[in-house]
Amino acid sequence: METNTTLTPAGNLEFEESGWQRFTEIGPDLSWTGSSGFHFHDLAKADNLQEFVDRNRATTVLTVDGTTLTCSSAFALHVANGEIQYDHLEFACTPST
């Protein structure tokens, strides 16, 4: 994970964080593995949030009672000056053979 915080001469506070994570969960009739990446960005001035960005992407493989699904998801949100500029969500699963 990478984190950066910057205070500009104009008094803006910028915070960014990015990273990847992998996970595995195994149980009696369950196997769940995957990875996900994320990126956050905040920009504030005088304690007022001016901009917020959140992006996430994940891929998972889920096996329950011998049935396997491969799933992918993506999420993006951008807010500037209190207004949503864009938001986006994708989620799809397909059976694995």
Protein backbone atom coordinates (compact mmCIF):
# COMPACT_ATOMS: atom_id res chain seq x y z
CA MET A 1 0.00 0.00 0.00
CA GLU A 2 1.20 3.50 -0.79
CA THR A 3 0.02 6.58 1.09
CA ASN A 4 0.86 10.21 0.37
CA THR A 5 -0.24 13.34 2.21
CA THR A 6 0.64 16.81 0.94
CA LEU A 7 -0.06 20.26 2.37
CA THR A 8 0.30 22.92 -0.34
CA PRO A 9 1.37 26.55 0.30
CA ALA A 10 -2.23 27.58 -0.60
CA GLY A 11 -3.51 25.55 2.35
CA ASN A 12 -4.88 22.57 0.41
CA LEU A 13 -4.52 19.17 2.07
CA GLU A 14 -4.23 16.27 -0.35
CA PHE A 15 -4.42 12.62 0.68
CA GLU A 16 -3.89 9.66 -1.66
CA GLU A 17 -3.79 5.95 -0.95
CA SER A 18 -3.43 3.07 -3.40
CA GLY A 19 -2.86 -0.64 -3.01
CA TRP A 20 -3.64 -4.24 -3.81
CA GLN A 21 -4.70 -7.07 -1.56
CA ARG A 22 -5.07 -10.80 -2.07
CA PHE A 23 -7.25 -13.07 0.01
CA THR A 24 -8.12 -16.74 0.45
CA GLU A 25 -10.90 -18.25 2.56
CA ILE A 26 -11.28 -22.02 2.76
CA GLY A 27 -13.99 -23.94 4.60
CA PRO A 28 -15.55 -27.43 4.50
CA ASP A 29 -17.55 -26.82 1.28
CA LEU A 30 -16.27 -23.35 0.38
CA SER A 31 -13.24 -21.88 -1.34
CA TRP A 32 -12.98 -18.15 -2.02
CA THR A 33 -9.87 -16.50 -3.47
CA GLY A 34 -9.28 -13.20 -5.13
CA SER A 35 -7.51 -9.91 -5.37
CA SER A 36 -8.61 -6.31 -5.29
CA GLY A 37 -7.07 -2.95 -5.98
CA PHE A 38 -8.08 0.44 -4.70
CA HIS A 39 -7.26 4.13 -5.05
CA PHE A 40 -8.54 6.96 -2.84
CA HIS A 41 -7.92 10.67 -3.30
CA ASP A 42 -9.18 13.50 -1.09
CA LEU A 43 -8.56 17.21 -1.50
CA ALA A 44 -9.61 19.57 1.29
CA LYS A 45 -9.20 23.27 1.96
CA ALA A 46 -10.05 24.91 5.29
CA ASP A 47 -11.57 21.62 6.54
CA ASN A 48 -13.98 21.52 3.56
CA LEU A 49 -13.78 18.53 1.26
CA GLN A 50 -13.29 19.87 -2.26
CA GLU A 51 -12.81 16.60 -4.11
CA PHE A 52 -13.18 12.88 -3.35
CA VAL A 53 -12.25 10.00 -5.65
CA ASP A 54 -12.77 6.30 -4.85
CA ARG A 55 -11.91 3.51 -7.31
CA ASN A 56 -11.97 -0.21 -6.60
CA ARG A 57 -11.56 -3.27 -8.80
CA ALA A 58 -11.74 -6.93 -7.73
CA THR A 59 -11.60 -10.42 -9.19
CA THR A 60 -12.76 -13.40 -7.15
CA VAL A 61 -13.22 -17.13 -7.64
CA LEU A 62 -15.87 -18.73 -5.44
CA THR A 63 -16.44 -22.48 -5.19
CA VAL A 64 -19.37 -23.79 -3.15
CA ASP A 65 -20.34 -27.49 -3.15
CA GLY A 66 -18.33 -28.08 -6.36
CA THR A 67 -19.82 -25.17 -8.32
CA THR A 68 -17.31 -22.46 -9.28
CA LEU A 69 -17.99 -18.85 -10.25
CA THR A 70 -15.46 -16.29 -11.43
CA CYS A 71 -16.60 -12.77 -10.57
CA SER A 72 -15.30 -9.31 -11.38
CA SER A 73 -16.39 -5.99 -9.98
CA ALA A 74 -15.46 -2.35 -10.46
CA PHE A 75 -16.57 0.80 -8.66
CA ALA A 76 -15.73 4.43 -9.34
CA LEU A 77 -17.01 7.57 -7.65
CA HIS A 78 -15.89 11.18 -8.15
CA VAL A 79 -17.34 14.03 -6.11
CA ALA A 80 -16.20 17.64 -6.55
CA ASN A 81 -17.50 20.64 -4.60
CA GLY A 82 -20.36 18.58 -3.20
CA GLU A 83 -21.59 17.38 -6.62
CA ILE A 84 -21.30 13.84 -7.99
CA GLN A 85 -19.33 14.12 -11.23
CA TYR A 86 -19.67 10.42 -12.03
CA ASP A 87 -20.35 7.12 -10.36
CA HIS A 88 -20.07 3.70 -11.91
CA LEU A 89 -20.61 0.14 -10.70
CA GLU A 90 -20.01 -3.11 -12.57
CA PHE A 91 -20.48 -6.65 -11.28
CA ALA A 92 -20.51 -9.88 -13.24
CA CYS A 93 -20.07 -13.57 -12.49
CA THR A 94 -19.62 -16.42 -14.92
CA PRO A 95 -19.60 -20.16 -14.23
CA SER A 96 -16.18 -21.73 -14.55
CA THR A 97 -15.77 -25.06 -16.30
